[in-house]
Amino acid sequence: MAKKRSEPRKYAIPTNFEQARDELFSHILRCGVLEATVEHQKEWFDDTMLYLADRFGDLTDTELEQLRTLGERYCRPVVARTAPVGA
């Protein structure tokens, strides 16, 4: 049998950076950016980063750059896709 805990679990409240990162990845998956050309991805990221900067106003320029880098890396995985996403 499992041992019972005497104290309740503590939940960490996500930082604004973590929330922005999660929202960016969610937008990438919903908007079909993975299948877009590099030029369209650049335009999409330009617009989306402006949106995220407005939505999460306390993020620094460095954090916004890190978000963009994470998103761009996510759109260009190391292993090439053989089937379209969502198939």
PDB file of N, CA and C in Angstrom:
ATOM      1  N   MET A   1       0.819  -1.187   0.000  1.00  0.00           N
ATOM      2  CA  MET A   1       0.000   0.000   0.000  1.00  0.00           C
ATOM      3  C   MET A   1       0.863   1.251   0.000  1.00  0.00           C
ATOM      4  N   ALA A   2       0.296   2.299  -0.531  1.00  0.00           N
ATOM      5  CA  ALA A   2       1.038   3.556  -0.596  1.00  0.00           C
ATOM      6  C   ALA A   2       1.042   4.246   0.759  1.00  0.00           C
ATOM      7  N   LYS A   3       2.130   4.895   1.035  1.00  0.00           N
ATOM      8  CA  LYS A   3       2.260   5.631   2.288  1.00  0.00           C
ATOM      9  C   LYS A   3       1.495   6.945   2.182  1.00  0.00           C
ATOM     10  N   LYS A   4       0.712   7.274   3.168  1.00  0.00           N
ATOM     11  CA  LYS A   4      -0.078   8.511   3.137  1.00  0.00           C
ATOM     12  C   LYS A   4       0.774   9.684   3.589  1.00  0.00           C
ATOM     13  N   ARG A   5       0.577  10.806   2.929  1.00  0.00           N
ATOM     14  CA  ARG A   5       1.306  12.020   3.286  1.00  0.00           C
ATOM     15  C   ARG A   5       0.567  12.752   4.397  1.00  0.00           C
ATOM     16  N   SER A   6       1.327  13.312   5.301  1.00  0.00           N
ATOM     17  CA  SER A   6       0.711  14.064   6.374  1.00  0.00           C
ATOM     18  C   SER A   6       0.485  15.522   5.987  1.00  0.00           C
ATOM     19  N   GLU A   7       1.279  16.043   5.045  1.00  0.00           N
ATOM     20  CA  GLU A   7       1.098  17.425   4.602  1.00  0.00           C
ATOM     21  C   GLU A   7       0.560  17.442   3.177  1.00  0.00           C
ATOM     22  N   PRO A   8      -0.252  18.429   2.870  1.00  0.00           N
ATOM     23  CA  PRO A   8      -0.758  18.531   1.496  1.00  0.00           C
ATOM     24  C   PRO A   8       0.360  18.926   0.537  1.00  0.00           C
ATOM     25  N   ARG A   9       0.164  18.583  -0.721  1.00  0.00           N
ATOM     26  CA  ARG A   9       1.161  18.940  -1.738  1.00  0.00           C
ATOM     27  C   ARG A   9       1.189  20.450  -1.933  1.00  0.00           C
ATOM     28  N   LYS A  10       2.366  20.954  -2.214  1.00  0.00           N
ATOM     29  CA  LYS A  10       2.519  22.382  -2.480  1.00  0.00           C
ATOM     30  C   LYS A  10       2.589  22.577  -3.987  1.00  0.00           C
ATOM     31  N   TYR A  11       1.827  23.498  -4.492  1.00  0.00           N
ATOM     32  CA  TYR A  11       1.797  23.776  -5.917  1.00  0.00           C
ATOM     33  C   TYR A  11       2.540  25.073  -6.200  1.00  0.00           C
ATOM     34  N   ALA A  12       3.399  25.027  -7.203  1.00  0.00           N
ATOM     35  CA  ALA A  12       4.134  26.218  -7.601  1.00  0.00           C
ATOM     36  C   ALA A  12       3.292  27.031  -8.577  1.00  0.00           C
ATOM     37  N   ILE A  13       3.215  28.303  -8.330  1.00  0.00           N
ATOM     38  CA  ILE A  13       2.495  29.191  -9.241  1.00  0.00           C
ATOM     39  C   ILE A  13       3.447  29.516 -10.390  1.00  0.00           C
ATOM     40  N   PRO A  14       3.012  29.278 -11.638  1.00  0.00           N
ATOM     41  CA  PRO A  14       3.910  29.541 -12.767  1.00  0.00           C
ATOM     42  C   PRO A  14       4.236  31.027 -12.888  1.00  0.00           C
ATOM     43  N   THR A  15       5.467  31.300 -13.296  1.00  0.00           N
ATOM     44  CA  THR A  15       5.890  32.679 -13.517  1.00  0.00           C
ATOM     45  C   THR A  15       5.268  33.192 -14.810  1.00  0.00           C
ATOM     46  N   ASN A  16       5.344  34.496 -15.029  1.00  0.00           N
ATOM     47  CA  ASN A  16       4.823  35.063 -16.270  1.00  0.00           C
ATOM     48  C   ASN A  16       5.566  34.521 -17.486  1.00  0.00           C
ATOM     49  N   PHE A  17       6.863  34.277 -17.336  1.00  0.00           N
ATOM     50  CA  PHE A  17       7.635  33.709 -18.441  1.00  0.00           C
ATOM     51  C   PHE A  17       7.115  32.320 -18.787  1.00  0.00           C
ATOM     52  N   GLU A  18       6.866  31.502 -17.771  1.00  0.00           N
ATOM     53  CA  GLU A  18       6.355  30.152 -18.011  1.00  0.00           C
ATOM     54  C   GLU A  18       4.965  30.180 -18.635  1.00  0.00           C
ATOM     55  N   GLN A  19       4.129  31.102 -18.197  1.00  0.00           N
ATOM     56  CA  GLN A  19       2.799  31.233 -18.785  1.00  0.00           C
ATOM     57  C   GLN A  19       2.898  31.682 -20.245  1.00  0.00           C
ATOM     58  N   ALA A  20       3.774  32.643 -20.522  1.00  0.00           N
ATOM     59  CA  ALA A  20       3.959  33.122 -21.890  1.00  0.00           C
ATOM     60  C   ALA A  20       4.507  32.004 -22.776  1.00  0.00           C
ATOM     61  N   ARG A  21       5.441  31.225 -22.260  1.00  0.00           N
ATOM     62  CA  ARG A  21       6.010  30.098 -23.014  1.00  0.00           C
ATOM     63  C   ARG A  21       4.921  29.083 -23.353  1.00  0.00           C
ATOM     64  N   ASP A  22       4.119  28.735 -22.372  1.00  0.00           N
ATOM     65  CA  ASP A  22       3.050  27.767 -22.604  1.00  0.00           C
ATOM     66  C   ASP A  22       2.041  28.293 -23.618  1.00  0.00           C
ATOM     67  N   GLU A  23       1.715  29.576 -23.518  1.00  0.00           N
ATOM     68  CA  GLU A  23       0.774  30.177 -24.464  1.00  0.00           C
ATOM     69  C   GLU A  23       1.359  30.209 -25.874  1.00  0.00           C
ATOM     70  N   LEU A  24       2.652  30.502 -25.986  1.00  0.00           N
ATOM     71  CA  LEU A  24       3.309  30.510 -27.294  1.00  0.00           C
ATOM     72  C   LEU A  24       3.244  29.126 -27.930  1.00  0.00           C
ATOM     73  N   PHE A  25       3.586  28.081 -27.177  1.00  0.00           N
ATOM     74  CA  PHE A  25       3.540  26.726 -27.723  1.00  0.00           C
ATOM     75  C   PHE A  25       2.116  26.341 -28.118  1.00  0.00           C
ATOM     76  N   SER A  26       1.151  26.757 -27.331  1.00  0.00           N
ATOM     77  CA  SER A  26      -0.248  26.481 -27.649  1.00  0.00           C
ATOM     78  C   SER A  26      -0.647  27.156 -28.958  1.00  0.00           C
ATOM     79  N   HIS A  27      -0.223  28.413 -29.136  1.00  0.00           N
ATOM     80  CA  HIS A  27      -0.524  29.135 -30.380  1.00  0.00           C
ATOM     81  C   HIS A  27       0.144  28.460 -31.576  1.00  0.00           C
ATOM     82  N   ILE A  28       1.379  28.001 -31.387  1.00  0.00           N
ATOM     83  CA  ILE A  28       2.098  27.333 -32.476  1.00  0.00           C
ATOM     84  C   ILE A  28       1.319  26.116 -32.950  1.00  0.00           C
ATOM     85  N   LEU A  29       0.836  25.322 -31.994  1.00  0.00           N
ATOM     86  CA  LEU A  29       0.111  24.109 -32.361  1.00  0.00           C
ATOM     87  C   LEU A  29      -1.243  24.422 -33.000  1.00  0.00           C
ATOM     88  N   ARG A  30      -1.954  25.430 -32.492  1.00  0.00           N
ATOM     89  CA  ARG A  30      -3.286  25.749 -33.011  1.00  0.00           C
ATOM     90  C   ARG A  30      -3.251  26.464 -34.350  1.00  0.00           C
ATOM     91  N   CYS A  31      -2.209  27.248 -34.611  1.00  0.00           N
ATOM     92  CA  CYS A  31      -2.181  28.085 -35.815  1.00  0.00           C
ATOM     93  C   CYS A  31      -1.526  27.407 -37.015  1.00  0.00           C
ATOM     94  N   GLY A  32      -0.999  26.222 -36.868  1.00  0.00           N
ATOM     95  CA  GLY A  32      -0.406  25.518 -37.998  1.00  0.00           C
ATOM     96  C   GLY A  32       0.928  26.082 -38.443  1.00  0.00           C
ATOM     97  N   VAL A  33       1.636  26.723 -37.545  1.00  0.00           N
ATOM     98  CA  VAL A  33       2.925  27.335 -37.883  1.00  0.00           C
ATOM     99  C   VAL A  33       3.967  26.283 -38.249  1.00  0.00           C
ATOM    100  N   LEU A  34       3.816  25.084 -37.716  1.00  0.00           N
ATOM    101  CA  LEU A  34       4.777  24.017 -37.992  1.00  0.00           C
ATOM    102  C   LEU A  34       4.852  23.685 -39.480  1.00  0.00           C
ATOM    103  N   GLU A  35       3.739  23.850 -40.180  1.00  0.00           N
ATOM    104  CA  GLU A  35       3.682  23.514 -41.603  1.00  0.00           C
ATOM    105  C   GLU A  35       3.975  24.710 -42.514  1.00  0.00           C
ATOM    106  N   ALA A  36       4.149  25.889 -41.948  1.00  0.00           N
ATOM    107  CA  ALA A  36       4.349  27.103 -42.744  1.00  0.00           C
ATOM    108  C   ALA A  36       5.782  27.189 -43.262  1.00  0.00           C
ATOM    109  N   THR A  37       5.957  27.997 -44.299  1.00  0.00           N
ATOM    110  CA  THR A  37       7.308  28.252 -44.819  1.00  0.00           C
ATOM    111  C   THR A  37       8.059  29.128 -43.823  1.00  0.00           C
ATOM    112  N   VAL A  38       9.365  29.183 -43.976  1.00  0.00           N
ATOM    113  CA  VAL A  38      10.203  29.960 -43.066  1.00  0.00           C
ATOM    114  C   VAL A  38       9.805  31.439 -43.094  1.00  0.00           C
ATOM    115  N   GLU A  39       9.462  31.969 -44.272  1.00  0.00           N
ATOM    116  CA  GLU A  39       9.062  33.370 -44.382  1.00  0.00           C
ATOM    117  C   GLU A  39       7.773  33.644 -43.614  1.00  0.00           C
ATOM    118  N   HIS A  40       6.802  32.734 -43.764  1.00  0.00           N
ATOM    119  CA  HIS A  40       5.542  32.898 -43.047  1.00  0.00           C
ATOM    120  C   HIS A  40       5.735  32.721 -41.545  1.00  0.00           C
ATOM    121  N   GLN A  41       6.630  31.820 -41.157  1.00  0.00           N
ATOM    122  CA  GLN A  41       6.921  31.644 -39.734  1.00  0.00           C
ATOM    123  C   GLN A  41       7.498  32.920 -39.140  1.00  0.00           C
ATOM    124  N   LYS A  42       8.399  33.570 -39.888  1.00  0.00           N
ATOM    125  CA  LYS A  42       8.997  34.815 -39.396  1.00  0.00           C
ATOM    126  C   LYS A  42       7.925  35.872 -39.187  1.00  0.00           C
ATOM    127  N   GLU A  43       7.040  36.045 -40.157  1.00  0.00           N
ATOM    128  CA  GLU A  43       5.960  37.017 -40.026  1.00  0.00           C
ATOM    129  C   GLU A  43       5.073  36.670 -38.833  1.00  0.00           C
ATOM    130  N   TRP A  44       4.736  35.393 -38.690  1.00  0.00           N
ATOM    131  CA  TRP A  44       3.873  34.960 -37.597  1.00  0.00           C
ATOM    132  C   TRP A  44       4.534  35.237 -36.254  1.00  0.00           C
ATOM    133  N   PHE A  45       5.829  34.933 -36.149  1.00  0.00           N
ATOM    134  CA  PHE A  45       6.544  35.184 -34.894  1.00  0.00           C
ATOM    135  C   PHE A  45       6.636  36.678 -34.601  1.00  0.00           C
ATOM    136  N   ASP A  46       6.846  37.508 -35.625  1.00  0.00           N
ATOM    137  CA  ASP A  46       6.876  38.959 -35.413  1.00  0.00           C
ATOM    138  C   ASP A  46       5.568  39.422 -34.775  1.00  0.00           C
ATOM    139  N   ASP A  47       4.446  39.004 -35.352  1.00  0.00           N
ATOM    140  CA  ASP A  47       3.135  39.400 -34.839  1.00  0.00           C
ATOM    141  C   ASP A  47       2.865  38.815 -33.449  1.00  0.00           C
ATOM    142  N   THR A  48       3.181  37.558 -33.275  1.00  0.00           N
ATOM    143  CA  THR A  48       2.896  36.880 -32.006  1.00  0.00           C
ATOM    144  C   THR A  48       3.740  37.441 -30.873  1.00  0.00           C
ATOM    145  N   MET A  49       4.983  37.786 -31.147  1.00  0.00           N
ATOM    146  CA  MET A  49       5.832  38.343 -30.096  1.00  0.00           C
ATOM    147  C   MET A  49       5.331  39.720 -29.673  1.00  0.00           C
ATOM    148  N   LEU A  50       4.797  40.500 -30.606  1.00  0.00           N
ATOM    149  CA  LEU A  50       4.186  41.780 -30.234  1.00  0.00           C
ATOM    150  C   LEU A  50       2.989  41.551 -29.322  1.00  0.00           C
ATOM    151  N   TYR A  51       2.179  40.549 -29.660  1.00  0.00           N
ATOM    152  CA  TYR A  51       1.018  40.199 -28.841  1.00  0.00           C
ATOM    153  C   TYR A  51       1.455  39.776 -27.433  1.00  0.00           C
ATOM    154  N   LEU A  52       2.458  38.898 -27.356  1.00  0.00           N
ATOM    155  CA  LEU A  52       2.920  38.423 -26.050  1.00  0.00           C
ATOM    156  C   LEU A  52       3.543  39.544 -25.225  1.00  0.00           C
ATOM    157  N   ALA A  53       4.227  40.475 -25.890  1.00  0.00           N
ATOM    158  CA  ALA A  53       4.813  41.612 -25.173  1.00  0.00           C
ATOM    159  C   ALA A  53       3.712  42.477 -24.559  1.00  0.00           C
ATOM    160  N   ASP A  54       2.596  42.632 -25.280  1.00  0.00           N
ATOM    161  CA  ASP A  54       1.473  43.392 -24.733  1.00  0.00           C
ATOM    162  C   ASP A  54       0.769  42.624 -23.627  1.00  0.00           C
ATOM    163  N   ARG A  55       0.558  41.352 -23.837  1.00  0.00           N
ATOM    164  CA  ARG A  55      -0.186  40.524 -22.875  1.00  0.00           C
ATOM    165  C   ARG A  55       0.583  40.322 -21.582  1.00  0.00           C
ATOM    166  N   PHE A  56       1.893  40.118 -21.684  1.00  0.00           N
ATOM    167  CA  PHE A  56       2.753  39.925 -20.514  1.00  0.00           C
ATOM    168  C   PHE A  56       3.725  41.100 -20.454  1.00  0.00           C
ATOM    169  N   GLY A  57       3.213  42.250 -20.047  1.00  0.00           N
ATOM    170  CA  GLY A  57       3.963  43.507 -20.080  1.00  0.00           C
ATOM    171  C   GLY A  57       5.200  43.550 -19.205  1.00  0.00           C
ATOM    172  N   ASP A  58       5.286  42.688 -18.204  1.00  0.00           N
ATOM    173  CA  ASP A  58       6.451  42.737 -17.322  1.00  0.00           C
ATOM    174  C   ASP A  58       7.615  41.872 -17.801  1.00  0.00           C
ATOM    175  N   LEU A  59       7.478  41.215 -18.946  1.00  0.00           N
ATOM    176  CA  LEU A  59       8.592  40.439 -19.499  1.00  0.00           C
ATOM    177  C   LEU A  59       9.645  41.387 -20.056  1.00  0.00           C
ATOM    178  N   THR A  60      10.895  41.072 -19.795  1.00  0.00           N
ATOM    179  CA  THR A  60      11.991  41.892 -20.316  1.00  0.00           C
ATOM    180  C   THR A  60      12.249  41.560 -21.784  1.00  0.00           C
ATOM    181  N   ASP A  61      13.015  42.410 -22.444  1.00  0.00           N
ATOM    182  CA  ASP A  61      13.383  42.150 -23.839  1.00  0.00           C
ATOM    183  C   ASP A  61      14.153  40.839 -23.966  1.00  0.00           C
ATOM    184  N   THR A  62      14.999  40.549 -22.987  1.00  0.00           N
ATOM    185  CA  THR A  62      15.771  39.302 -22.997  1.00  0.00           C
ATOM    186  C   THR A  62      14.842  38.099 -22.913  1.00  0.00           C
ATOM    187  N   GLU A  63      13.835  38.173 -22.046  1.00  0.00           N
ATOM    188  CA  GLU A  63      12.892  37.065 -21.917  1.00  0.00           C
ATOM    189  C   GLU A  63      12.074  36.881 -23.195  1.00  0.00           C
ATOM    190  N   LEU A  64      11.703  37.989 -23.831  1.00  0.00           N
ATOM    191  CA  LEU A  64      10.971  37.898 -25.096  1.00  0.00           C
ATOM    192  C   LEU A  64      11.840  37.264 -26.186  1.00  0.00           C
ATOM    193  N   GLU A  65      13.117  37.599 -26.199  1.00  0.00           N
ATOM    194  CA  GLU A  65      14.041  36.987 -27.158  1.00  0.00           C
ATOM    195  C   GLU A  65      14.166  35.481 -26.886  1.00  0.00           C
ATOM    196  N   GLN A  66      14.228  35.113 -25.601  1.00  0.00           N
ATOM    197  CA  GLN A  66      14.312  33.696 -25.238  1.00  0.00           C
ATOM    198  C   GLN A  66      13.050  32.952 -25.678  1.00  0.00           C
ATOM    199  N   LEU A  67      11.891  33.581 -25.496  1.00  0.00           N
ATOM    200  CA  LEU A  67      10.638  32.971 -25.939  1.00  0.00           C
ATOM    201  C   LEU A  67      10.647  32.724 -27.440  1.00  0.00           C
ATOM    202  N   ARG A  68      11.076  33.731 -28.180  1.00  0.00           N
ATOM    203  CA  ARG A  68      11.110  33.585 -29.641  1.00  0.00           C
ATOM    204  C   ARG A  68      12.062  32.465 -30.046  1.00  0.00           C
ATOM    205  N   THR A  69      13.218  32.414 -29.407  1.00  0.00           N
ATOM    206  CA  THR A  69      14.189  31.365 -29.713  1.00  0.00           C
ATOM    207  C   THR A  69      13.599  29.979 -29.424  1.00  0.00           C
ATOM    208  N   LEU A  70      12.929  29.844 -28.292  1.00  0.00           N
ATOM    209  CA  LEU A  70      12.289  28.568 -27.960  1.00  0.00           C
ATOM    210  C   LEU A  70      11.253  28.187 -29.008  1.00  0.00           C
ATOM    211  N   GLY A  71      10.426  29.152 -29.403  1.00  0.00           N
ATOM    212  CA  GLY A  71       9.390  28.894 -30.395  1.00  0.00           C
ATOM    213  C   GLY A  71       9.963  28.514 -31.747  1.00  0.00           C
ATOM    214  N   GLU A  72      10.997  29.236 -32.178  1.00  0.00           N
ATOM    215  CA  GLU A  72      11.609  28.941 -33.480  1.00  0.00           C
ATOM    216  C   GLU A  72      12.269  27.566 -33.469  1.00  0.00           C
ATOM    217  N   ARG A  73      12.896  27.206 -32.363  1.00  0.00           N
ATOM    218  CA  ARG A  73      13.502  25.871 -32.259  1.00  0.00           C
ATOM    219  C   ARG A  73      12.428  24.792 -32.282  1.00  0.00           C
ATOM    220  N   TYR A  74      11.312  25.061 -31.652  1.00  0.00           N
ATOM    221  CA  TYR A  74      10.213  24.106 -31.624  1.00  0.00           C
ATOM    222  C   TYR A  74       9.664  23.875 -33.033  1.00  0.00           C
ATOM    223  N   CYS A  75       9.681  24.902 -33.850  1.00  0.00           N
ATOM    224  CA  CYS A  75       9.168  24.785 -35.220  1.00  0.00           C
ATOM    225  C   CYS A  75      10.148  24.088 -36.154  1.00  0.00           C
ATOM    226  N   ARG A  76      11.403  23.950 -35.749  1.00  0.00           N
ATOM    227  CA  ARG A  76      12.407  23.286 -36.581  1.00  0.00           C
ATOM    228  C   ARG A  76      13.034  22.137 -35.799  1.00  0.00           C
ATOM    229  N   PRO A  77      12.310  21.029 -35.648  1.00  0.00           N
ATOM    230  CA  PRO A  77      12.859  19.913 -34.875  1.00  0.00           C
ATOM    231  C   PRO A  77      14.061  19.277 -35.574  1.00  0.00           C
ATOM    232  N   VAL A  78      14.858  18.589 -34.797  1.00  0.00           N
ATOM    233  CA  VAL A  78      16.065  17.944 -35.318  1.00  0.00           C
ATOM    234  C   VAL A  78      15.699  16.833 -36.283  1.00  0.00           C
ATOM    235  N   VAL A  79      14.691  16.049 -35.941  1.00  0.00           N
ATOM    236  CA  VAL A  79      14.248  14.956 -36.799  1.00  0.00           C
ATOM    237  C   VAL A  79      13.147  15.478 -37.712  1.00  0.00           C
ATOM    238  N   ALA A  80      13.332  15.297 -39.002  1.00  0.00           N
ATOM    239  CA  ALA A  80      12.347  15.783 -39.973  1.00  0.00           C
ATOM    240  C   ALA A  80      11.023  15.037 -39.819  1.00  0.00           C
ATOM    241  N   ARG A  81       9.935  15.758 -39.996  1.00  0.00           N
ATOM    242  CA  ARG A  81       8.610  15.146 -39.939  1.00  0.00           C
ATOM    243  C   ARG A  81       8.329  14.396 -41.228  1.00  0.00           C
ATOM    244  N   THR A  82       7.764  13.214 -41.100  1.00  0.00           N
ATOM    245  CA  THR A  82       7.414  12.442 -42.309  1.00  0.00           C
ATOM    246  C   THR A  82       5.932  12.567 -42.611  1.00  0.00           C
ATOM    247  N   ALA A  83       5.111  12.847 -41.596  1.00  0.00           N
ATOM    248  CA  ALA A  83       3.670  12.996 -41.805  1.00  0.00           C
ATOM    249  C   ALA A  83       3.236  14.348 -41.259  1.00  0.00           C
ATOM    250  N   PRO A  84       2.214  14.946 -41.824  1.00  0.00           N
ATOM    251  CA  PRO A  84       1.746  16.232 -41.314  1.00  0.00           C
ATOM    252  C   PRO A  84       1.253  16.109 -39.860  1.00  0.00           C
ATOM    253  N   VAL A  85       1.395  17.195 -39.121  1.00  0.00           N
ATOM    254  CA  VAL A  85       0.950  17.210 -37.740  1.00  0.00           C
ATOM    255  C   VAL A  85      -0.565  17.083 -37.706  1.00  0.00           C
ATOM    256  N   GLY A  86      -1.053  16.282 -36.792  1.00  0.00           N
ATOM    257  CA  GLY A  86      -2.487  16.095 -36.656  1.00  0.00           C
ATOM    258  C   GLY A  86      -3.050  15.009 -37.558  1.00  0.00           C
ATOM    259  N   ALA A  87      -2.203  14.341 -38.312  1.00  0.00           N
ATOM    260  CA  ALA A  87      -2.675  13.287 -39.215  1.00  0.00           C
ATOM    261  C   ALA A  87      -2.935  12.010 -38.476  1.00  0.00           C
TER     262      ALA A  87
END
